[in-house]
Amino acid sequence: MSCRVCTSDNQNTFPTEIAIHLPGLSTPHVFLYPKVVVCIDCGFTEFSIPETELCVLRDGIGPSAAAS
């Protein structure tokens, strides 16, 4: 698949660790470990968020509260 920004085929997949900070200082972070696809020519990067973590982001609550 080509890059959505520059149409290059020069892309690679990398493992990552991402912490998404929800608003508020006492709110726990949502941790993700997706593989990201990076366009080596322009730097455009994309990944998808699993449904479990997506629900946490949608509802704006920490992961421990979502499991309750």
PDB file of N, CA and C in Angstrom:
ATOM      1  N   MET A   1       0.843  -1.178   0.000  1.00  0.00           N
ATOM      2  CA  MET A   1       0.000   0.000   0.000  1.00  0.00           C
ATOM      3  C   MET A   1       0.889   1.243   0.000  1.00  0.00           C
ATOM      4  N   SER A   2       0.501   2.245  -0.726  1.00  0.00           N
ATOM      5  CA  SER A   2       1.275   3.481  -0.832  1.00  0.00           C
ATOM      6  C   SER A   2       0.944   4.445   0.294  1.00  0.00           C
ATOM      7  N   CYS A   3       1.887   5.348   0.573  1.00  0.00           N
ATOM      8  CA  CYS A   3       1.689   6.397   1.570  1.00  0.00           C
ATOM      9  C   CYS A   3       0.519   7.282   1.153  1.00  0.00           C
ATOM     10  N   ARG A   4      -0.335   7.616   2.104  1.00  0.00           N
ATOM     11  CA  ARG A   4      -1.501   8.462   1.816  1.00  0.00           C
ATOM     12  C   ARG A   4      -1.120   9.918   1.537  1.00  0.00           C
ATOM     13  N   VAL A   5       0.076  10.321   1.975  1.00  0.00           N
ATOM     14  CA  VAL A   5       0.484  11.719   1.800  1.00  0.00           C
ATOM     15  C   VAL A   5       1.297  11.919   0.520  1.00  0.00           C
ATOM     16  N   CYS A   6       2.351  11.102   0.353  1.00  0.00           N
ATOM     17  CA  CYS A   6       3.249  11.338  -0.786  1.00  0.00           C
ATOM     18  C   CYS A   6       3.206  10.229  -1.837  1.00  0.00           C
ATOM     19  N   THR A   7       2.407   9.208  -1.625  1.00  0.00           N
ATOM     20  CA  THR A   7       2.216   8.051  -2.508  1.00  0.00           C
ATOM     21  C   THR A   7       3.456   7.174  -2.675  1.00  0.00           C
ATOM     22  N   SER A   8       4.459   7.346  -1.827  1.00  0.00           N
ATOM     23  CA  SER A   8       5.656   6.517  -1.879  1.00  0.00           C
ATOM     24  C   SER A   8       5.336   5.093  -1.422  1.00  0.00           C
ATOM     25  N   ASP A   9       6.075   4.144  -1.971  1.00  0.00           N
ATOM     26  CA  ASP A   9       5.977   2.758  -1.520  1.00  0.00           C
ATOM     27  C   ASP A   9       7.071   2.430  -0.506  1.00  0.00           C
ATOM     28  N   ASN A  10       7.886   3.418  -0.146  1.00  0.00           N
ATOM     29  CA  ASN A  10       9.008   3.238   0.767  1.00  0.00           C
ATOM     30  C   ASN A  10       8.517   3.370   2.211  1.00  0.00           C
ATOM     31  N   GLN A  11       7.875   2.307   2.736  1.00  0.00           N
ATOM     32  CA  GLN A  11       7.319   2.310   4.085  1.00  0.00           C
ATOM     33  C   GLN A  11       7.871   1.129   4.864  1.00  0.00           C
ATOM     34  N   ASN A  12       7.880   1.277   6.179  1.00  0.00           N
ATOM     35  CA  ASN A  12       8.337   0.195   7.032  1.00  0.00           C
ATOM     36  C   ASN A  12       7.472   0.159   8.282  1.00  0.00           C
ATOM     37  N   THR A  13       7.385  -1.004   8.930  1.00  0.00           N
ATOM     38  CA  THR A  13       6.588  -1.180  10.135  1.00  0.00           C
ATOM     39  C   THR A  13       7.524  -1.296  11.329  1.00  0.00           C
ATOM     40  N   PHE A  14       7.171  -0.606  12.435  1.00  0.00           N
ATOM     41  CA  PHE A  14       7.991  -0.610  13.638  1.00  0.00           C
ATOM     42  C   PHE A  14       7.119  -0.864  14.867  1.00  0.00           C
ATOM     43  N   PRO A  15       7.626  -1.620  15.855  1.00  0.00           N
ATOM     44  CA  PRO A  15       6.900  -1.767  17.115  1.00  0.00           C
ATOM     45  C   PRO A  15       7.067  -0.481  17.935  1.00  0.00           C
ATOM     46  N   THR A  16       6.048  -0.128  18.713  1.00  0.00           N
ATOM     47  CA  THR A  16       6.110   1.112  19.497  1.00  0.00           C
ATOM     48  C   THR A  16       5.501   0.923  20.879  1.00  0.00           C
ATOM     49  N   GLU A  17       5.707   1.926  21.710  1.00  0.00           N
ATOM     50  CA  GLU A  17       5.019   2.090  22.988  1.00  0.00           C
ATOM     51  C   GLU A  17       4.498   3.522  22.995  1.00  0.00           C
ATOM     52  N   ILE A  18       3.208   3.688  23.227  1.00  0.00           N
ATOM     53  CA  ILE A  18       2.596   5.012  23.212  1.00  0.00           C
ATOM     54  C   ILE A  18       1.774   5.173  24.483  1.00  0.00           C
ATOM     55  N   ALA A  19       1.943   6.314  25.148  1.00  0.00           N
ATOM     56  CA  ALA A  19       1.107   6.644  26.305  1.00  0.00           C
ATOM     57  C   ALA A  19       0.256   7.850  25.926  1.00  0.00           C
ATOM     58  N   ILE A  20      -1.055   7.684  25.942  1.00  0.00           N
ATOM     59  CA  ILE A  20      -1.961   8.788  25.644  1.00  0.00           C
ATOM     60  C   ILE A  20      -2.425   9.372  26.967  1.00  0.00           C
ATOM     61  N   HIS A  21      -2.239  10.670  27.113  1.00  0.00           N
ATOM     62  CA  HIS A  21      -2.582  11.364  28.346  1.00  0.00           C
ATOM     63  C   HIS A  21      -3.991  11.936  28.240  1.00  0.00           C
ATOM     64  N   LEU A  22      -4.856  11.472  29.096  1.00  0.00           N
ATOM     65  CA  LEU A  22      -6.209  12.016  29.149  1.00  0.00           C
ATOM     66  C   LEU A  22      -6.183  13.318  29.938  1.00  0.00           C
ATOM     67  N   PRO A  23      -7.142  14.211  29.736  1.00  0.00           N
ATOM     68  CA  PRO A  23      -7.160  15.477  30.470  1.00  0.00           C
ATOM     69  C   PRO A  23      -7.226  15.239  31.985  1.00  0.00           C
ATOM     70  N   GLY A  24      -6.532  16.070  32.734  1.00  0.00           N
ATOM     71  CA  GLY A  24      -6.524  15.971  34.192  1.00  0.00           C
ATOM     72  C   GLY A  24      -5.246  15.317  34.677  1.00  0.00           C
ATOM     73  N   LEU A  25      -4.664  15.873  35.719  1.00  0.00           N
ATOM     74  CA  LEU A  25      -3.381  15.373  36.212  1.00  0.00           C
ATOM     75  C   LEU A  25      -3.484  14.019  36.897  1.00  0.00           C
ATOM     76  N   SER A  26      -4.630  13.714  37.493  1.00  0.00           N
ATOM     77  CA  SER A  26      -4.751  12.458  38.236  1.00  0.00           C
ATOM     78  C   SER A  26      -5.310  11.314  37.384  1.00  0.00           C
ATOM     79  N   THR A  27      -5.603  11.580  36.128  1.00  0.00           N
ATOM     80  CA  THR A  27      -6.160  10.556  35.247  1.00  0.00           C
ATOM     81  C   THR A  27      -5.045   9.646  34.746  1.00  0.00           C
ATOM     82  N   PRO A  28      -5.216   8.317  34.844  1.00  0.00           N
ATOM     83  CA  PRO A  28      -4.177   7.414  34.332  1.00  0.00           C
ATOM     84  C   PRO A  28      -4.023   7.526  32.815  1.00  0.00           C
ATOM     85  N   HIS A  29      -2.843   7.204  32.349  1.00  0.00           N
ATOM     86  CA  HIS A  29      -2.571   7.197  30.910  1.00  0.00           C
ATOM     87  C   HIS A  29      -3.163   5.935  30.286  1.00  0.00           C
ATOM     88  N   VAL A  30      -3.422   6.008  28.995  1.00  0.00           N
ATOM     89  CA  VAL A  30      -3.828   4.832  28.224  1.00  0.00           C
ATOM     90  C   VAL A  30      -2.585   4.391  27.468  1.00  0.00           C
ATOM     91  N   PHE A  31      -2.111   3.182  27.769  1.00  0.00           N
ATOM     92  CA  PHE A  31      -0.901   2.669  27.133  1.00  0.00           C
ATOM     93  C   PHE A  31      -1.260   1.791  25.945  1.00  0.00           C
ATOM     94  N   LEU A  32      -0.575   2.030  24.824  1.00  0.00           N
ATOM     95  CA  LEU A  32      -0.773   1.261  23.592  1.00  0.00           C
ATOM     96  C   LEU A  32       0.572   0.705  23.141  1.00  0.00           C
ATOM     97  N   TYR A  33       0.534  -0.430  22.490  1.00  0.00           N
ATOM     98  CA  TYR A  33       1.751  -1.046  21.952  1.00  0.00           C
ATOM     99  C   TYR A  33       1.523  -1.448  20.492  1.00  0.00           C
ATOM    100  N   PRO A  34       1.133  -0.468  19.658  1.00  0.00           N
ATOM    101  CA  PRO A  34       0.826  -0.812  18.271  1.00  0.00           C
ATOM    102  C   PRO A  34       2.073  -0.912  17.409  1.00  0.00           C
ATOM    103  N   LYS A  35       1.919  -1.567  16.291  1.00  0.00           N
ATOM    104  CA  LYS A  35       2.932  -1.483  15.241  1.00  0.00           C
ATOM    105  C   LYS A  35       2.526  -0.299  14.386  1.00  0.00           C
ATOM    106  N   VAL A  36       3.477   0.583  14.094  1.00  0.00           N
ATOM    107  CA  VAL A  36       3.174   1.745  13.269  1.00  0.00           C
ATOM    108  C   VAL A  36       3.803   1.571  11.897  1.00  0.00           C
ATOM    109  N   VAL A  37       3.120   2.109  10.897  1.00  0.00           N
ATOM    110  CA  VAL A  37       3.640   2.110   9.530  1.00  0.00           C
ATOM    111  C   VAL A  37       4.159   3.523   9.272  1.00  0.00           C
ATOM    112  N   VAL A  38       5.455   3.612   8.962  1.00  0.00           N
ATOM    113  CA  VAL A  38       6.104   4.906   8.748  1.00  0.00           C
ATOM    114  C   VAL A  38       6.545   5.015   7.298  1.00  0.00           C
ATOM    115  N   CYS A  39       6.191   6.126   6.658  1.00  0.00           N
ATOM    116  CA  CYS A  39       6.703   6.418   5.318  1.00  0.00           C
ATOM    117  C   CYS A  39       8.118   6.948   5.494  1.00  0.00           C
ATOM    118  N   ILE A  40       9.066   6.245   4.961  1.00  0.00           N
ATOM    119  CA  ILE A  40      10.468   6.624   5.111  1.00  0.00           C
ATOM    120  C   ILE A  40      10.796   7.880   4.305  1.00  0.00           C
ATOM    121  N   ASP A  41       9.968   8.236   3.324  1.00  0.00           N
ATOM    122  CA  ASP A  41      10.238   9.412   2.505  1.00  0.00           C
ATOM    123  C   ASP A  41       9.697  10.701   3.115  1.00  0.00           C
ATOM    124  N   CYS A  42       8.467  10.684   3.634  1.00  0.00           N
ATOM    125  CA  CYS A  42       7.888  11.946   4.142  1.00  0.00           C
ATOM    126  C   CYS A  42       7.628  11.932   5.654  1.00  0.00           C
ATOM    127  N   GLY A  43       7.691  10.749   6.290  1.00  0.00           N
ATOM    128  CA  GLY A  43       7.497  10.671   7.737  1.00  0.00           C
ATOM    129  C   GLY A  43       6.067  10.452   8.183  1.00  0.00           C
ATOM    130  N   PHE A  44       5.117  10.433   7.264  1.00  0.00           N
ATOM    131  CA  PHE A  44       3.730  10.183   7.647  1.00  0.00           C
ATOM    132  C   PHE A  44       3.659   8.827   8.335  1.00  0.00           C
ATOM    133  N   THR A  45       2.950   8.787   9.470  1.00  0.00           N
ATOM    134  CA  THR A  45       2.864   7.570  10.280  1.00  0.00           C
ATOM    135  C   THR A  45       1.417   7.285  10.606  1.00  0.00           C
ATOM    136  N   GLU A  46       1.048   5.999  10.602  1.00  0.00           N
ATOM    137  CA  GLU A  46      -0.312   5.643  10.989  1.00  0.00           C
ATOM    138  C   GLU A  46      -0.324   4.335  11.759  1.00  0.00           C
ATOM    139  N   PHE A  47      -1.349   4.233  12.632  1.00  0.00           N
ATOM    140  CA  PHE A  47      -1.563   3.022  13.408  1.00  0.00           C
ATOM    141  C   PHE A  47      -3.024   2.989  13.812  1.00  0.00           C
ATOM    142  N   SER A  48      -3.466   1.837  14.279  1.00  0.00           N
ATOM    143  CA  SER A  48      -4.840   1.746  14.750  1.00  0.00           C
ATOM    144  C   SER A  48      -4.830   1.406  16.240  1.00  0.00           C
ATOM    145  N   ILE A  49      -5.891   1.815  16.903  1.00  0.00           N
ATOM    146  CA  ILE A  49      -6.038   1.604  18.341  1.00  0.00           C
ATOM    147  C   ILE A  49      -7.028   0.472  18.561  1.00  0.00           C
ATOM    148  N   PRO A  50      -6.647  -0.539  19.370  1.00  0.00           N
ATOM    149  CA  PRO A  50      -7.567  -1.645  19.648  1.00  0.00           C
ATOM    150  C   PRO A  50      -8.867  -1.154  20.296  1.00  0.00           C
ATOM    151  N   GLU A  51      -9.953  -1.876  20.071  1.00  0.00           N
ATOM    152  CA  GLU A  51     -11.282  -1.472  20.544  1.00  0.00           C
ATOM    153  C   GLU A  51     -11.319  -1.223  22.052  1.00  0.00           C
ATOM    154  N   THR A  52     -10.625  -2.042  22.843  1.00  0.00           N
ATOM    155  CA  THR A  52     -10.622  -1.873  24.300  1.00  0.00           C
ATOM    156  C   THR A  52     -10.116  -0.492  24.698  1.00  0.00           C
ATOM    157  N   GLU A  53      -8.952  -0.112  24.153  1.00  0.00           N
ATOM    158  CA  GLU A  53      -8.378   1.195  24.468  1.00  0.00           C
ATOM    159  C   GLU A  53      -9.177   2.320  23.815  1.00  0.00           C
ATOM    160  N   LEU A  54      -9.758   2.057  22.656  1.00  0.00           N
ATOM    161  CA  LEU A  54     -10.576   3.060  21.985  1.00  0.00           C
ATOM    162  C   LEU A  54     -11.788   3.430  22.839  1.00  0.00           C
ATOM    163  N   CYS A  55     -12.384   2.436  23.488  1.00  0.00           N
ATOM    164  CA  CYS A  55     -13.513   2.706  24.388  1.00  0.00           C
ATOM    165  C   CYS A  55     -13.084   3.589  25.548  1.00  0.00           C
ATOM    166  N   VAL A  56     -11.897   3.340  26.086  1.00  0.00           N
ATOM    167  CA  VAL A  56     -11.381   4.153  27.189  1.00  0.00           C
ATOM    168  C   VAL A  56     -11.203   5.592  26.731  1.00  0.00           C
ATOM    169  N   LEU A  57     -10.639   5.794  25.546  1.00  0.00           N
ATOM    170  CA  LEU A  57     -10.450   7.150  25.026  1.00  0.00           C
ATOM    171  C   LEU A  57     -11.790   7.818  24.726  1.00  0.00           C
ATOM    172  N   ARG A  58     -12.718   7.061  24.181  1.00  0.00           N
ATOM    173  CA  ARG A  58     -14.033   7.605  23.846  1.00  0.00           C
ATOM    174  C   ARG A  58     -14.776   8.058  25.103  1.00  0.00           C
ATOM    175  N   ASP A  59     -14.699   7.238  26.156  1.00  0.00           N
ATOM    176  CA  ASP A  59     -15.417   7.552  27.392  1.00  0.00           C
ATOM    177  C   ASP A  59     -14.648   8.510  28.294  1.00  0.00           C
ATOM    178  N   GLY A  60     -13.350   8.704  28.013  1.00  0.00           N
ATOM    179  CA  GLY A  60     -12.554   9.642  28.802  1.00  0.00           C
ATOM    180  C   GLY A  60     -12.293   9.193  30.218  1.00  0.00           C
ATOM    181  N   ILE A  61     -12.174   7.883  30.397  1.00  0.00           N
ATOM    182  CA  ILE A  61     -11.884   7.351  31.725  1.00  0.00           C
ATOM    183  C   ILE A  61     -10.640   6.503  31.680  1.00  0.00           C
ATOM    184  N   GLY A  62     -10.041   6.264  32.835  1.00  0.00           N
ATOM    185  CA  GLY A  62      -8.833   5.456  32.907  1.00  0.00           C
ATOM    186  C   GLY A  62      -9.131   3.991  32.671  1.00  0.00           C
ATOM    187  N   PRO A  63      -8.104   3.209  32.292  1.00  0.00           N
ATOM    188  CA  PRO A  63      -8.297   1.806  31.986  1.00  0.00           C
ATOM    189  C   PRO A  63      -8.805   0.988  33.167  1.00  0.00           C
ATOM    190  N   SER A  64      -8.416   1.322  34.397  1.00  0.00           N
ATOM    191  CA  SER A  64      -8.872   0.552  35.546  1.00  0.00           C
ATOM    192  C   SER A  64     -10.362   0.741  35.754  1.00  0.00           C
ATOM    193  N   ALA A  65     -10.880   1.938  35.492  1.00  0.00           N
ATOM    194  CA  ALA A  65     -12.310   2.194  35.646  1.00  0.00           C
ATOM    195  C   ALA A  65     -13.087   1.518  34.518  1.00  0.00           C
ATOM    196  N   ALA A  66     -12.490   1.418  33.341  1.00  0.00           N
ATOM    197  CA  ALA A  66     -13.193   0.782  32.215  1.00  0.00           C
ATOM    198  C   ALA A  66     -13.366  -0.706  32.447  1.00  0.00           C
ATOM    199  N   ALA A  67     -12.440  -1.322  33.204  1.00  0.00           N
ATOM    200  CA  ALA A  67     -12.523  -2.752  33.459  1.00  0.00           C
ATOM    201  C   ALA A  67     -13.563  -3.076  34.519  1.00  0.00           C
ATOM    202  N   SER A  68     -14.005  -2.099  35.278  1.00  0.00           N
ATOM    203  CA  SER A  68     -14.975  -2.340  36.357  1.00  0.00           C
ATOM    204  C   SER A  68     -16.359  -2.600  35.828  1.00  0.00           C
TER     205      SER A  68
END
